[in-house]
Structure formats: structure tokens, C-alpha cells
Amino acid sequence: MELIRLLVAAVTGVLVVGGYLASLAAYFGGTAENYSIQLDHSSVPMLALGLLLATVVLAFIPAKEEPSNDEVES
């Protein structure tokens, strides 16, 4: 489960950084308005919704905790 959580966090981080860099490139390239329009008509909102739902589901699944030394001795 930890691997899945790490994977979701990594994918989310890469997409956030990539989107930010693409937005900066569009701004400095003078095509920010076109970029914004294309972004609204792409699959990015659905991808964001999927990542949000995955994060919420993972938040409700408890992590497996290893027993501490106190619990093992008793």
C-alpha cells in the first residue's frame, strides 16, 4: 500500500510541476490565452478528478503499522 501511495504522490508531483512549467512557457511565449483554452478542453480536468478521488480513497485506507517493541515483549 505504501508503494501505491508513493506512486500517486510522485505522479501528482510530476504533473503539478509539468503543468506549472508548461504554463510558464505559454506565458513567456505569449500564448497564455490559447494555452488556457486548450487546457479547459483537454482531459486534464478528468485526470485531476481521478487523482483527487485516488487520494481520498487512499486517505481512508489505514497504513499497516508494525508492532512496537513494547507490544512484542508483552
N, C-alpha and C. Protein backbone atom coordinates (compact mmCIF):
# COMPACT_ATOMS: atom_id res chain seq x y z
N MET A 1 0.82 -1.19 0.00
CA MET A 1 0.00 0.00 0.00
C MET A 1 0.87 1.26 0.00
N GLU A 2 2.00 1.16 0.71
CA GLU A 2 2.89 2.32 0.75
C GLU A 2 3.42 2.65 -0.65
N LEU A 3 3.67 1.61 -1.44
CA LEU A 3 4.16 1.84 -2.80
C LEU A 3 3.12 2.56 -3.65
N ILE A 4 1.86 2.19 -3.48
CA ILE A 4 0.79 2.84 -4.24
C ILE A 4 0.68 4.31 -3.82
N ARG A 5 0.76 4.57 -2.54
CA ARG A 5 0.70 5.96 -2.05
C ARG A 5 1.87 6.77 -2.58
N LEU A 6 3.04 6.17 -2.58
CA LEU A 6 4.21 6.86 -3.10
C LEU A 6 4.07 7.13 -4.59
N LEU A 7 3.52 6.17 -5.31
CA LEU A 7 3.32 6.33 -6.75
C LEU A 7 2.32 7.45 -7.04
N VAL A 8 1.21 7.49 -6.32
CA VAL A 8 0.21 8.55 -6.52
C VAL A 8 0.81 9.91 -6.20
N ALA A 9 1.59 9.99 -5.13
CA ALA A 9 2.23 11.26 -4.77
C ALA A 9 3.24 11.68 -5.83
N ALA A 10 4.00 10.73 -6.34
CA ALA A 10 5.01 11.05 -7.36
C ALA A 10 4.36 11.50 -8.65
N VAL A 11 3.31 10.80 -9.09
CA VAL A 11 2.61 11.19 -10.32
C VAL A 11 1.99 12.56 -10.15
N THR A 12 1.38 12.80 -9.01
CA THR A 12 0.78 14.12 -8.76
C THR A 12 1.83 15.22 -8.78
N GLY A 13 2.95 14.98 -8.13
CA GLY A 13 4.03 15.97 -8.11
C GLY A 13 4.58 16.26 -9.49
N VAL A 14 4.80 15.21 -10.28
CA VAL A 14 5.32 15.40 -11.65
C VAL A 14 4.32 16.18 -12.49
N LEU A 15 3.04 15.86 -12.36
CA LEU A 15 2.03 16.57 -13.15
C LEU A 15 1.89 18.03 -12.72
N VAL A 16 1.99 18.30 -11.44
CA VAL A 16 1.91 19.69 -10.97
C VAL A 16 3.09 20.50 -11.49
N VAL A 17 4.28 19.95 -11.36
CA VAL A 17 5.48 20.65 -11.83
C VAL A 17 5.44 20.82 -13.35
N GLY A 18 5.05 19.77 -14.06
CA GLY A 18 4.95 19.85 -15.52
C GLY A 18 3.93 20.87 -15.97
N GLY A 19 2.79 20.91 -15.31
CA GLY A 19 1.77 21.90 -15.64
C GLY A 19 2.23 23.32 -15.37
N TYR A 20 2.94 23.49 -14.27
CA TYR A 20 3.46 24.81 -13.94
C TYR A 20 4.47 25.28 -14.98
N LEU A 21 5.37 24.37 -15.36
CA LEU A 21 6.38 24.73 -16.36
C LEU A 21 5.74 25.01 -17.73
N ALA A 22 4.72 24.23 -18.08
CA ALA A 22 4.03 24.47 -19.35
C ALA A 22 3.30 25.81 -19.32
N SER A 23 2.73 26.13 -18.18
CA SER A 23 2.05 27.42 -18.03
C SER A 23 3.03 28.58 -18.15
N LEU A 24 4.19 28.44 -17.52
CA LEU A 24 5.21 29.49 -17.64
C LEU A 24 5.69 29.64 -19.08
N ALA A 25 5.88 28.52 -19.76
CA ALA A 25 6.33 28.57 -21.15
C ALA A 25 5.28 29.26 -22.02
N ALA A 26 4.02 28.98 -21.77
CA ALA A 26 2.96 29.62 -22.54
C ALA A 26 2.89 31.12 -22.24
N TYR A 27 3.09 31.48 -20.98
CA TYR A 27 3.05 32.89 -20.61
C TYR A 27 4.18 33.67 -21.28
N PHE A 28 5.39 33.15 -21.15
CA PHE A 28 6.52 33.86 -21.72
C PHE A 28 6.58 33.75 -23.24
N GLY A 29 5.89 32.76 -23.80
CA GLY A 29 5.81 32.62 -25.25
C GLY A 29 4.70 33.46 -25.85
N GLY A 30 3.88 34.07 -25.01
CA GLY A 30 2.81 34.92 -25.49
C GLY A 30 1.56 34.17 -25.92
N THR A 31 1.46 32.90 -25.53
CA THR A 31 0.30 32.11 -25.93
C THR A 31 -0.50 31.64 -24.72
N ALA A 32 -0.52 32.43 -23.68
CA ALA A 32 -1.19 32.03 -22.44
C ALA A 32 -2.69 31.87 -22.64
N GLU A 33 -3.30 32.73 -23.43
CA GLU A 33 -4.75 32.63 -23.65
C GLU A 33 -5.10 31.34 -24.39
N ASN A 34 -4.34 31.03 -25.43
CA ASN A 34 -4.59 29.79 -26.18
C ASN A 34 -4.33 28.57 -25.31
N TYR A 35 -3.28 28.63 -24.50
CA TYR A 35 -2.96 27.53 -23.60
C TYR A 35 -4.11 27.28 -22.62
N SER A 36 -4.66 28.35 -22.08
CA SER A 36 -5.76 28.23 -21.14
C SER A 36 -6.99 27.62 -21.79
N ILE A 37 -7.29 28.04 -22.99
CA ILE A 37 -8.45 27.48 -23.71
C ILE A 37 -8.24 26.01 -24.02
N GLN A 38 -7.05 25.65 -24.47
CA GLN A 38 -6.76 24.25 -24.79
C GLN A 38 -6.78 23.39 -23.53
N LEU A 39 -6.35 23.94 -22.43
CA LEU A 39 -6.32 23.19 -21.17
C LEU A 39 -7.74 22.86 -20.71
N ASP A 40 -8.66 23.79 -20.89
CA ASP A 40 -10.04 23.55 -20.48
C ASP A 40 -10.73 22.50 -21.34
N HIS A 41 -10.30 22.33 -22.56
CA HIS A 41 -10.93 21.38 -23.46
C HIS A 41 -10.15 20.07 -23.58
N SER A 42 -9.22 19.84 -22.68
CA SER A 42 -8.42 18.62 -22.73
C SER A 42 -8.90 17.65 -21.65
N SER A 43 -8.16 16.60 -21.46
CA SER A 43 -8.52 15.60 -20.44
C SER A 43 -7.90 15.91 -19.08
N VAL A 44 -7.28 17.05 -18.94
CA VAL A 44 -6.62 17.41 -17.68
C VAL A 44 -7.61 17.51 -16.51
N PRO A 45 -8.79 18.12 -16.69
CA PRO A 45 -9.72 18.15 -15.55
C PRO A 45 -10.14 16.76 -15.08
N MET A 46 -10.33 15.82 -16.00
CA MET A 46 -10.68 14.45 -15.60
C MET A 46 -9.51 13.76 -14.90
N LEU A 47 -8.30 14.02 -15.35
CA LEU A 47 -7.12 13.46 -14.70
C LEU A 47 -7.01 14.01 -13.27
N ALA A 48 -7.27 15.29 -13.10
CA ALA A 48 -7.22 15.90 -11.77
C ALA A 48 -8.29 15.28 -10.87
N LEU A 49 -9.48 15.04 -11.42
CA LEU A 49 -10.54 14.42 -10.64
C LEU A 49 -10.15 13.00 -10.24
N GLY A 50 -9.55 12.26 -11.15
CA GLY A 50 -9.11 10.91 -10.84
C GLY A 50 -8.06 10.88 -9.74
N LEU A 51 -7.11 11.80 -9.82
CA LEU A 51 -6.08 11.88 -8.77
C LEU A 51 -6.68 12.29 -7.43
N LEU A 52 -7.64 13.18 -7.46
CA LEU A 52 -8.30 13.59 -6.22
C LEU A 52 -9.04 12.42 -5.59
N LEU A 53 -9.78 11.68 -6.40
CA LEU A 53 -10.50 10.52 -5.88
C LEU A 53 -9.55 9.45 -5.35
N ALA A 54 -8.45 9.22 -6.06
CA ALA A 54 -7.46 8.24 -5.60
C ALA A 54 -6.87 8.67 -4.26
N THR A 55 -6.60 9.95 -4.11
CA THR A 55 -6.05 10.46 -2.86
C THR A 55 -7.03 10.31 -1.71
N VAL A 56 -8.31 10.60 -1.98
CA VAL A 56 -9.33 10.46 -0.94
C VAL A 56 -9.49 9.00 -0.53
N VAL A 57 -9.52 8.10 -1.51
CA VAL A 57 -9.65 6.67 -1.20
C VAL A 57 -8.45 6.20 -0.38
N LEU A 58 -7.25 6.59 -0.79
CA LEU A 58 -6.06 6.18 -0.06
C LEU A 58 -6.02 6.76 1.35
N ALA A 59 -6.65 7.91 1.55
CA ALA A 59 -6.66 8.52 2.88
C ALA A 59 -7.49 7.69 3.86
N PHE A 60 -8.49 6.96 3.35
CA PHE A 60 -9.35 6.17 4.23
C PHE A 60 -8.85 4.75 4.44
N ILE A 61 -7.81 4.35 3.74
CA ILE A 61 -7.23 3.02 3.94
C ILE A 61 -6.09 3.15 4.94
N PRO A 62 -6.22 2.51 6.08
CA PRO A 62 -5.18 2.67 7.11
C PRO A 62 -3.88 2.00 6.69
N ALA A 63 -2.79 2.59 7.11
CA ALA A 63 -1.47 2.02 6.85
C ALA A 63 -1.23 0.89 7.84
N LYS A 64 -0.54 -0.13 7.38
CA LYS A 64 -0.22 -1.24 8.28
C LYS A 64 0.93 -0.79 9.18
N GLU A 65 0.70 -0.90 10.46
CA GLU A 65 1.74 -0.50 11.41
C GLU A 65 2.42 -1.74 11.95
N GLU A 66 3.73 -1.67 12.03
CA GLU A 66 4.48 -2.77 12.62
C GLU A 66 4.38 -2.64 14.14
N PRO A 67 4.30 -3.75 14.83
CA PRO A 67 4.21 -3.67 16.30
C PRO A 67 5.47 -3.07 16.89
N SER A 68 5.29 -2.23 17.89
CA SER A 68 6.44 -1.62 18.54
C SER A 68 7.10 -2.64 19.47
N ASN A 69 8.24 -2.30 20.01
CA ASN A 69 8.97 -3.19 20.90
C ASN A 69 8.17 -3.48 22.18
N ASP A 70 7.40 -2.53 22.67
CA ASP A 70 6.61 -2.71 23.87
C ASP A 70 5.53 -3.77 23.66
N GLU A 71 4.90 -3.78 22.50
CA GLU A 71 3.84 -4.73 22.23
C GLU A 71 4.39 -6.13 22.01
N VAL A 72 5.58 -6.23 21.46
CA VAL A 72 6.17 -7.54 21.20
C VAL A 72 6.58 -8.23 22.49
N GLU A 73 7.11 -7.48 23.46
CA GLU A 73 7.59 -8.05 24.71
C GLU A 73 6.48 -8.53 25.61
N SER A 74 5.31 -7.94 25.55
CA SER A 74 4.25 -8.30 26.49
C SER A 74 3.42 -9.45 26.02
